[in-house]
C-alpha atoms as a PDB file:
ATOM      1  CA  UNK A   1       9.899  18.616 -15.853  1.00  0.00           C
ATOM      2  CA  UNK A   2      11.608  21.412 -15.099  1.00  0.00           C
ATOM      3  CA  UNK A   3      14.782  21.504 -17.262  1.00  0.00           C
ATOM      4  CA  UNK A   4      18.570  23.251 -18.174  1.00  0.00           C
ATOM      5  CA  UNK A   5      19.950  23.901 -21.279  1.00  0.00           C
ATOM      6  CA  UNK A   6      23.865  23.722 -21.381  1.00  0.00           C
ATOM      7  CA  UNK A   7      25.694  26.501 -21.811  1.00  0.00           C
ATOM      8  CA  UNK A   8      28.071  27.401 -24.674  1.00  0.00           C
ATOM      9  CA  UNK A   9      30.840  29.408 -24.582  1.00  0.00           C
ATOM     10  CA  UNK A  10      31.365  31.891 -28.657  1.00  0.00           C
ATOM     11  CA  UNK A  11      32.996  34.683 -30.304  1.00  0.00           C
ATOM     12  CA  UNK A  12      31.121  36.572 -31.834  1.00  0.00           C
ATOM     13  CA  UNK A  13      28.550  33.493 -32.771  1.00  0.00           C
ATOM     14  CA  UNK A  14      31.453  31.103 -33.635  1.00  0.00           C
ATOM     15  CA  UNK A  15      32.140  28.056 -31.188  1.00  0.00           C
ATOM     16  CA  UNK A  16      35.077  28.100 -29.177  1.00  0.00           C
ATOM     17  CA  UNK A  17      36.865  25.426 -28.867  1.00  0.00           C
ATOM     18  CA  UNK A  18      37.095  22.238 -29.974  1.00  0.00           C
ATOM     19  CA  UNK A  19      34.545  19.997 -28.058  1.00  0.00           C
ATOM     20  CA  UNK A  20      31.213  22.180 -27.497  1.00  0.00           C
ATOM     21  CA  UNK A  21      27.704  21.349 -26.920  1.00  0.00           C
ATOM     22  CA  UNK A  22      23.955  22.332 -28.270  1.00  0.00           C
ATOM     23  CA  UNK A  23      21.976  25.337 -26.993  1.00  0.00           C
ATOM     24  CA  UNK A  24      19.366  23.607 -27.516  1.00  0.00           C
ATOM     25  CA  UNK A  25      20.237  20.495 -25.799  1.00  0.00           C
ATOM     26  CA  UNK A  26      18.452  19.910 -22.847  1.00  0.00           C
ATOM     27  CA  UNK A  27      18.867  16.928 -19.708  1.00  0.00           C
ATOM     28  CA  UNK A  28      16.442  16.513 -16.526  1.00  0.00           C
ATOM     29  CA  UNK A  29      16.966  18.914 -13.321  1.00  0.00           C
ATOM     30  CA  UNK A  30      14.396  16.537 -11.317  1.00  0.00           C
ATOM     31  CA  UNK A  31      11.197  14.801 -11.625  1.00  0.00           C
ATOM     32  CA  UNK A  32       7.765  15.221 -10.038  1.00  0.00           C
ATOM     33  CA  UNK A  33       8.392  13.216  -6.592  1.00  0.00           C
ATOM     34  CA  UNK A  34       5.207  11.530  -4.972  1.00  0.00           C
ATOM     35  CA  UNK A  35       5.150   9.289  -1.708  1.00  0.00           C
ATOM     36  CA  UNK A  36       2.888   8.259  -3.907  1.00  0.00           C
ATOM     37  CA  UNK A  37       5.784   6.081  -6.316  1.00  0.00           C
ATOM     38  CA  UNK A  38       7.153   4.499  -2.757  1.00  0.00           C
ATOM     39  CA  UNK A  39       3.517   3.781  -1.117  1.00  0.00           C
ATOM     40  CA  UNK A  40       0.902   2.424  -3.624  1.00  0.00           C
ATOM     41  CA  UNK A  41       3.160  -0.586  -4.868  1.00  0.00           C
ATOM     42  CA  UNK A  42       4.322  -1.137  -1.444  1.00  0.00           C
ATOM     43  CA  UNK A  43       0.437  -1.158  -0.251  1.00  0.00           C
ATOM     44  CA  UNK A  44      -0.600  -3.494  -3.603  1.00  0.00           C
ATOM     45  CA  UNK A  45       2.356  -5.923  -2.780  1.00  0.00           C
ATOM     46  CA  UNK A  46       1.409  -6.890   0.666  1.00  0.00           C
ATOM     47  CA  UNK A  47      -1.886  -7.426   0.329  1.00  0.00           C
ATOM     48  CA  UNK A  48      -1.652  -9.658  -3.235  1.00  0.00           C
ATOM     49  CA  UNK A  49       0.893 -11.542  -0.269  1.00  0.00           C
ATOM     50  CA  UNK A  50      -1.745 -11.867   2.406  1.00  0.00           C
ATOM     51  CA  UNK A  51      -4.428 -12.793  -0.584  1.00  0.00           C
ATOM     52  CA  UNK A  52      -2.103 -15.305  -1.975  1.00  0.00           C
ATOM     53  CA  UNK A  53      -2.045 -16.812   1.877  1.00  0.00           C
ATOM     54  CA  UNK A  54      -5.346 -17.218   2.569  1.00  0.00           C
ATOM     55  CA  UNK A  55      -5.703 -18.824  -0.014  1.00  0.00           C
ATOM     56  CA  UNK A  56      -2.945 -21.345   0.370  1.00  0.00           C
ATOM     57  CA  UNK A  57      -1.577 -20.486  -3.122  1.00  0.00           C
ATOM     58  CA  UNK A  58       0.619 -23.107  -4.270  1.00  0.00           C
ATOM     59  CA  UNK A  59       1.964 -24.654  -0.436  1.00  0.00           C
ATOM     60  CA  UNK A  60       1.282 -27.245   1.315  1.00  0.00           C
ATOM     61  CA  UNK A  61       1.976 -26.815   5.271  1.00  0.00           C
ATOM     62  CA  UNK A  62       1.367 -23.471   6.988  1.00  0.00           C
ATOM     63  CA  UNK A  63       5.490 -22.704   7.101  1.00  0.00           C
ATOM     64  CA  UNK A  64       5.859 -22.687   4.262  1.00  0.00           C
ATOM     65  CA  UNK A  65       3.415 -20.937   3.101  1.00  0.00           C
ATOM     66  CA  UNK A  66       4.045 -17.863   5.405  1.00  0.00           C
ATOM     67  CA  UNK A  67       7.775 -18.090   4.234  1.00  0.00           C
ATOM     68  CA  UNK A  68       6.562 -15.732   1.167  1.00  0.00           C
ATOM     69  CA  UNK A  69       4.089 -13.481   2.582  1.00  0.00           C
ATOM     70  CA  UNK A  70       5.274 -12.020   5.647  1.00  0.00           C
ATOM     71  CA  UNK A  71       8.789 -11.107   4.710  1.00  0.00           C
ATOM     72  CA  UNK A  72       6.874  -9.290   2.281  1.00  0.00           C
ATOM     73  CA  UNK A  73       4.443  -7.862   4.312  1.00  0.00           C
ATOM     74  CA  UNK A  74       7.905  -6.310   7.090  1.00  0.00           C
ATOM     75  CA  UNK A  75       9.409  -4.436   3.940  1.00  0.00           C
ATOM     76  CA  UNK A  76       5.981  -2.978   2.777  1.00  0.00           C
ATOM     77  CA  UNK A  77       5.309  -2.127   5.630  1.00  0.00           C
ATOM     78  CA  UNK A  78       8.796  -0.418   7.181  1.00  0.00           C
ATOM     79  CA  UNK A  79       8.597   0.940   3.063  1.00  0.00           C
ATOM     80  CA  UNK A  80       4.834   2.337   3.734  1.00  0.00           C
ATOM     81  CA  UNK A  81       6.492   4.129   6.910  1.00  0.00           C
ATOM     82  CA  UNK A  82       9.718   5.500   4.693  1.00  0.00           C
ATOM     83  CA  UNK A  83       6.736   7.042   2.435  1.00  0.00           C
ATOM     84  CA  UNK A  84       4.551   8.336   5.382  1.00  0.00           C
ATOM     85  CA  UNK A  85       7.645  10.271   5.962  1.00  0.00           C
ATOM     86  CA  UNK A  86       8.405  11.098   2.855  1.00  0.00           C
ATOM     87  CA  UNK A  87       4.797  12.923   3.079  1.00  0.00           C
ATOM     88  CA  UNK A  88       5.608  14.672   6.031  1.00  0.00           C
ATOM     89  CA  UNK A  89       8.538  16.276   4.071  1.00  0.00           C
ATOM     90  CA  UNK A  90       6.363  17.033   1.939  1.00  0.00           C
ATOM     91  CA  UNK A  91       3.868  18.763   3.553  1.00  0.00           C
ATOM     92  CA  UNK A  92       1.343  16.402   2.113  1.00  0.00           C
ATOM     93  CA  UNK A  93      -0.747  15.047   5.650  1.00  0.00           C
ATOM     94  CA  UNK A  94      -3.277  13.521   4.517  1.00  0.00           C
ATOM     95  CA  UNK A  95      -0.871  10.594   2.909  1.00  0.00           C
ATOM     96  CA  UNK A  96       0.935  10.529   5.433  1.00  0.00           C
ATOM     97  CA  UNK A  97      -1.837   9.220   7.484  1.00  0.00           C
ATOM     98  CA  UNK A  98      -2.513   6.898   5.263  1.00  0.00           C
ATOM     99  CA  UNK A  99       0.553   5.678   4.174  1.00  0.00           C
ATOM    100  CA  UNK A 100       1.336   5.982   8.085  1.00  0.00           C
ATOM    101  CA  UNK A 101      -1.433   4.211   9.181  1.00  0.00           C
ATOM    102  CA  UNK A 102      -0.772   0.849   6.509  1.00  0.00           C
ATOM    103  CA  UNK A 103       1.961   0.094   7.304  1.00  0.00           C
ATOM    104  CA  UNK A 104       1.760  -0.099  11.473  1.00  0.00           C
ATOM    105  CA  UNK A 105      -1.092  -2.750   9.439  1.00  0.00           C
ATOM    106  CA  UNK A 106       1.300  -4.590   7.924  1.00  0.00           C
ATOM    107  CA  UNK A 107       4.142  -4.419  10.837  1.00  0.00           C
ATOM    108  CA  UNK A 108       1.686  -5.327  13.320  1.00  0.00           C
ATOM    109  CA  UNK A 109      -0.418  -8.893  11.618  1.00  0.00           C
ATOM    110  CA  UNK A 110       3.321  -9.534  10.291  1.00  0.00           C
ATOM    111  CA  UNK A 111       4.366  -9.347  14.980  1.00  0.00           C
ATOM    112  CA  UNK A 112       0.949 -11.388  15.092  1.00  0.00           C
ATOM    113  CA  UNK A 113       1.482 -13.685  13.319  1.00  0.00           C
ATOM    114  CA  UNK A 114       5.261 -14.836  14.057  1.00  0.00           C
ATOM    115  CA  UNK A 115       4.037 -14.185  17.559  1.00  0.00           C
ATOM    116  CA  UNK A 116       1.333 -17.283  17.910  1.00  0.00           C
ATOM    117  CA  UNK A 117       2.997 -18.865  15.823  1.00  0.00           C
ATOM    118  CA  UNK A 118       6.571 -18.933  18.211  1.00  0.00           C
ATOM    119  CA  UNK A 119       4.444 -18.203  21.360  1.00  0.00           C
ATOM    120  CA  UNK A 120       5.428 -15.005  21.882  1.00  0.00           C
ATOM    121  CA  UNK A 121       2.691 -13.986  24.020  1.00  0.00           C
ATOM    122  CA  UNK A 122       2.911 -17.816  26.144  1.00  0.00           C
ATOM    123  CA  UNK A 123       1.252 -20.707  24.745  1.00  0.00           C
ATOM    124  CA  UNK A 124      -2.467 -19.434  24.205  1.00  0.00           C
ATOM    125  CA  UNK A 125      -5.037 -21.974  22.990  1.00  0.00           C
ATOM    126  CA  UNK A 126      -6.888 -21.807  19.709  1.00  0.00           C
ATOM    127  CA  UNK A 127      -9.882 -20.456  21.652  1.00  0.00           C
ATOM    128  CA  UNK A 128      -7.367 -17.786  22.592  1.00  0.00           C
ATOM    129  CA  UNK A 129      -5.670 -17.366  19.706  1.00  0.00           C
ATOM    130  CA  UNK A 130      -8.833 -17.090  17.264  1.00  0.00           C
ATOM    131  CA  UNK A 131     -10.349 -14.404  19.015  1.00  0.00           C
ATOM    132  CA  UNK A 132      -6.403 -11.965  19.602  1.00  0.00           C
ATOM    133  CA  UNK A 133      -7.101 -12.307  16.230  1.00  0.00           C
ATOM    134  CA  UNK A 134     -10.420 -11.266  15.722  1.00  0.00           C
ATOM    135  CA  UNK A 135      -9.384  -8.033  17.980  1.00  0.00           C
ATOM    136  CA  UNK A 136      -6.824  -7.284  15.712  1.00  0.00           C
ATOM    137  CA  UNK A 137      -9.418  -6.907  12.810  1.00  0.00           C
ATOM    138  CA  UNK A 138     -12.187  -5.563  15.080  1.00  0.00           C
ATOM    139  CA  UNK A 139      -9.794  -2.839  15.930  1.00  0.00           C
ATOM    140  CA  UNK A 140      -8.299  -2.048  12.581  1.00  0.00           C
ATOM    141  CA  UNK A 141     -11.876  -2.254  10.876  1.00  0.00           C
ATOM    142  CA  UNK A 142     -13.000   0.754  13.154  1.00  0.00           C
ATOM    143  CA  UNK A 143     -10.081   2.805  12.634  1.00  0.00           C
ATOM    144  CA  UNK A 144     -10.127   2.519   9.097  1.00  0.00           C
ATOM    145  CA  UNK A 145     -14.015   3.185   8.790  1.00  0.00           C
ATOM    146  CA  UNK A 146     -12.840   6.729  10.453  1.00  0.00           C
ATOM    147  CA  UNK A 147     -10.413   7.400   7.506  1.00  0.00           C
ATOM    148  CA  UNK A 148     -12.722   6.196   5.406  1.00  0.00           C
ATOM    149  CA  UNK A 149     -15.118   8.584   5.966  1.00  0.00           C
ATOM    150  CA  UNK A 150     -12.500  11.627   6.731  1.00  0.00           C
ATOM    151  CA  UNK A 151     -11.464  10.855   3.584  1.00  0.00           C
ATOM    152  CA  UNK A 152     -14.471  11.468   1.237  1.00  0.00           C
ATOM    153  CA  UNK A 153     -13.281  14.872   0.015  1.00  0.00           C
ATOM    154  CA  UNK A 154     -10.558  12.901  -2.031  1.00  0.00           C
ATOM    155  CA  UNK A 155     -11.470  11.804  -5.201  1.00  0.00           C
ATOM    156  CA  UNK A 156     -13.531   8.557  -5.720  1.00  0.00           C
ATOM    157  CA  UNK A 157     -11.212   5.688  -6.569  1.00  0.00           C
ATOM    158  CA  UNK A 158      -9.254   6.076  -3.382  1.00  0.00           C
ATOM    159  CA  UNK A 159     -12.832   6.368  -1.853  1.00  0.00           C
ATOM    160  CA  UNK A 160     -12.879   3.135  -2.665  1.00  0.00           C
ATOM    161  CA  UNK A 161      -9.752   1.431  -1.845  1.00  0.00           C
ATOM    162  CA  UNK A 162     -10.661   2.059   1.123  1.00  0.00           C
ATOM    163  CA  UNK A 163     -14.400   0.699   1.087  1.00  0.00           C
ATOM    164  CA  UNK A 164     -12.486  -2.531   0.040  1.00  0.00           C
ATOM    165  CA  UNK A 165     -10.336  -2.495   2.772  1.00  0.00           C
ATOM    166  CA  UNK A 166     -12.552  -2.457   5.025  1.00  0.00           C
ATOM    167  CA  UNK A 167     -15.646  -4.990   3.855  1.00  0.00           C
ATOM    168  CA  UNK A 168     -12.210  -7.352   3.868  1.00  0.00           C
ATOM    169  CA  UNK A 169     -11.734  -6.679   7.137  1.00  0.00           C
ATOM    170  CA  UNK A 170     -14.555  -7.310   8.800  1.00  0.00           C
ATOM    171  CA  UNK A 171     -15.662 -10.855   6.210  1.00  0.00           C
ATOM    172  CA  UNK A 172     -12.081 -11.671   7.507  1.00  0.00           C
ATOM    173  CA  UNK A 173     -13.720 -10.466  11.484  1.00  0.00           C
ATOM    174  CA  UNK A 174     -16.131 -12.958  10.771  1.00  0.00           C
ATOM    175  CA  UNK A 175     -15.233 -15.231   9.326  1.00  0.00           C
ATOM    176  CA  UNK A 176     -12.446 -16.144  12.023  1.00  0.00           C
ATOM    177  CA  UNK A 177     -14.892 -15.181  14.591  1.00  0.00           C
ATOM    178  CA  UNK A 178     -17.651 -17.550  13.794  1.00  0.00           C
ATOM    179  CA  UNK A 179     -14.685 -20.642  12.338  1.00  0.00           C
ATOM    180  CA  UNK A 180     -15.567 -23.911  13.682  1.00  0.00           C
ATOM    181  CA  UNK A 181     -12.164 -24.859  15.995  1.00  0.00           C
ATOM    182  CA  UNK A 182      -9.406 -26.049  13.443  1.00  0.00           C
ATOM    183  CA  UNK A 183     -10.017 -24.132  10.693  1.00  0.00           C
ATOM    184  CA  UNK A 184      -8.595 -21.152   9.178  1.00  0.00           C
ATOM    185  CA  UNK A 185     -12.402 -18.998   9.003  1.00  0.00           C
ATOM    186  CA  UNK A 186     -15.443 -19.603   8.008  1.00  0.00           C
ATOM    187  CA  UNK A 187     -15.833 -20.457   3.759  1.00  0.00           C
ATOM    188  CA  UNK A 188     -18.769 -18.622   2.727  1.00  0.00           C
ATOM    189  CA  UNK A 189     -17.883 -15.590   4.639  1.00  0.00           C
ATOM    190  CA  UNK A 190     -14.322 -15.981   3.962  1.00  0.00           C
ATOM    191  CA  UNK A 191     -13.552 -16.352   0.810  1.00  0.00           C
ATOM    192  CA  UNK A 192     -15.997 -12.527  -0.234  1.00  0.00           C
ATOM    193  CA  UNK A 193     -13.699 -11.073   1.972  1.00  0.00           C
ATOM    194  CA  UNK A 194      -9.899 -12.404   0.329  1.00  0.00           C
ATOM    195  CA  UNK A 195     -11.873 -11.952  -3.527  1.00  0.00           C
ATOM    196  CA  UNK A 196     -12.246  -8.241  -1.641  1.00  0.00           C
ATOM    197  CA  UNK A 197      -8.392  -8.592  -1.326  1.00  0.00           C
ATOM    198  CA  UNK A 198      -7.438  -9.602  -4.688  1.00  0.00           C
ATOM    199  CA  UNK A 199      -9.091  -6.147  -5.784  1.00  0.00           C
ATOM    200  CA  UNK A 200      -6.807  -3.920  -3.848  1.00  0.00           C
ATOM    201  CA  UNK A 201      -3.437  -4.200  -5.438  1.00  0.00           C
ATOM    202  CA  UNK A 202      -5.383  -4.122  -8.700  1.00  0.00           C
ATOM    203  CA  UNK A 203      -6.351  -0.192  -7.404  1.00  0.00           C
ATOM    204  CA  UNK A 204      -3.321  -0.124  -5.931  1.00  0.00           C
ATOM    205  CA  UNK A 205      -0.972  -0.308  -8.846  1.00  0.00           C
ATOM    206  CA  UNK A 206      -3.684   2.156 -10.739  1.00  0.00           C
ATOM    207  CA  UNK A 207      -2.960   4.804  -8.222  1.00  0.00           C
ATOM    208  CA  UNK A 208       0.876   3.770  -8.888  1.00  0.00           C
ATOM    209  CA  UNK A 209       1.531   3.940 -12.400  1.00  0.00           C
ATOM    210  CA  UNK A 210      -1.368   7.512 -12.705  1.00  0.00           C
ATOM    211  CA  UNK A 211       1.541   8.480 -10.439  1.00  0.00           C
ATOM    212  CA  UNK A 212       4.487   7.448 -12.581  1.00  0.00           C
ATOM    213  CA  UNK A 213       3.404   8.625 -15.514  1.00  0.00           C
ATOM    214  CA  UNK A 214       2.623  12.202 -13.829  1.00  0.00           C
ATOM    215  CA  UNK A 215       6.287  12.640 -12.144  1.00  0.00           C
ATOM    216  CA  UNK A 216       7.525  11.598 -16.054  1.00  0.00           C
ATOM    217  CA  UNK A 217       5.430  14.396 -17.449  1.00  0.00           C
ATOM    218  CA  UNK A 218       2.167  12.841 -18.581  1.00  0.00           C
ATOM    219  CA  UNK A 219      -0.896  13.652 -17.179  1.00  0.00           C
ATOM    220  CA  UNK A 220      -2.263  11.700 -14.026  1.00  0.00           C
ATOM    221  CA  UNK A 221      -5.187   8.812 -14.553  1.00  0.00           C
ATOM    222  CA  UNK A 222      -8.529   9.376 -14.727  1.00  0.00           C
ATOM    223  CA  UNK A 223      -9.741   9.298 -10.214  1.00  0.00           C
ATOM    224  CA  UNK A 224     -12.991  10.104 -10.184  1.00  0.00           C
ATOM    225  CA  UNK A 225     -14.631  13.242  -8.863  1.00  0.00           C
ATOM    226  CA  UNK A 226     -15.444  13.095  -4.960  1.00  0.00           C
ATOM    227  CA  UNK A 227     -18.445  11.878  -3.176  1.00  0.00           C
ATOM    228  CA  UNK A 228     -18.417  15.292  -0.918  1.00  0.00           C
ATOM    229  CA  UNK A 229     -17.397  18.101  -3.063  1.00  0.00           C
ATOM    230  CA  UNK A 230     -15.295  20.561  -0.871  1.00  0.00           C
END
């Protein structure tokens, strides 16, 4: 952490004036700034909100169920895009890519859900809506799998997070694709994907806490060696 001393004026070793500051006093100039300080908590809360939505936690109807998670997902998507812009300004291309993709996912997911609920795409029958959801999940699954393999040189905790994302997307895709009409998804496939969604916020908050600790002058938390060494 960069600090600067508060100067004091003196004559022959004696302070001048009535109010002086100790020569040893220091004030912080800046703390270590990283887009992870904003991006990972935004990702964590959005993943948790989706997990609670899929389990129907503390809700009774579809409109009330979406009332809490959708605003969180939209704002989290915007925060993630802001984190991506922050990373670009710091020449951190990998962070910019990760946060940019995460932000785009949450915003596009919110747009899909709102569009289907409010007939923005026309009055689609249930099979068409289910097909739209399945296509959305499949496209993002492919994208995240590519991101996972492309970032194997990162520390293991990042790879673990990406694998959890991949697993949740493919299980949600499978659950939506084979579920019976009128059901939210096949429960035997849906539940493992939701379980992965509950683990993702834990990893995200671990990365956030590590970034905060590092920014305040501490050491980053253990992240594990990369699967592919440089």
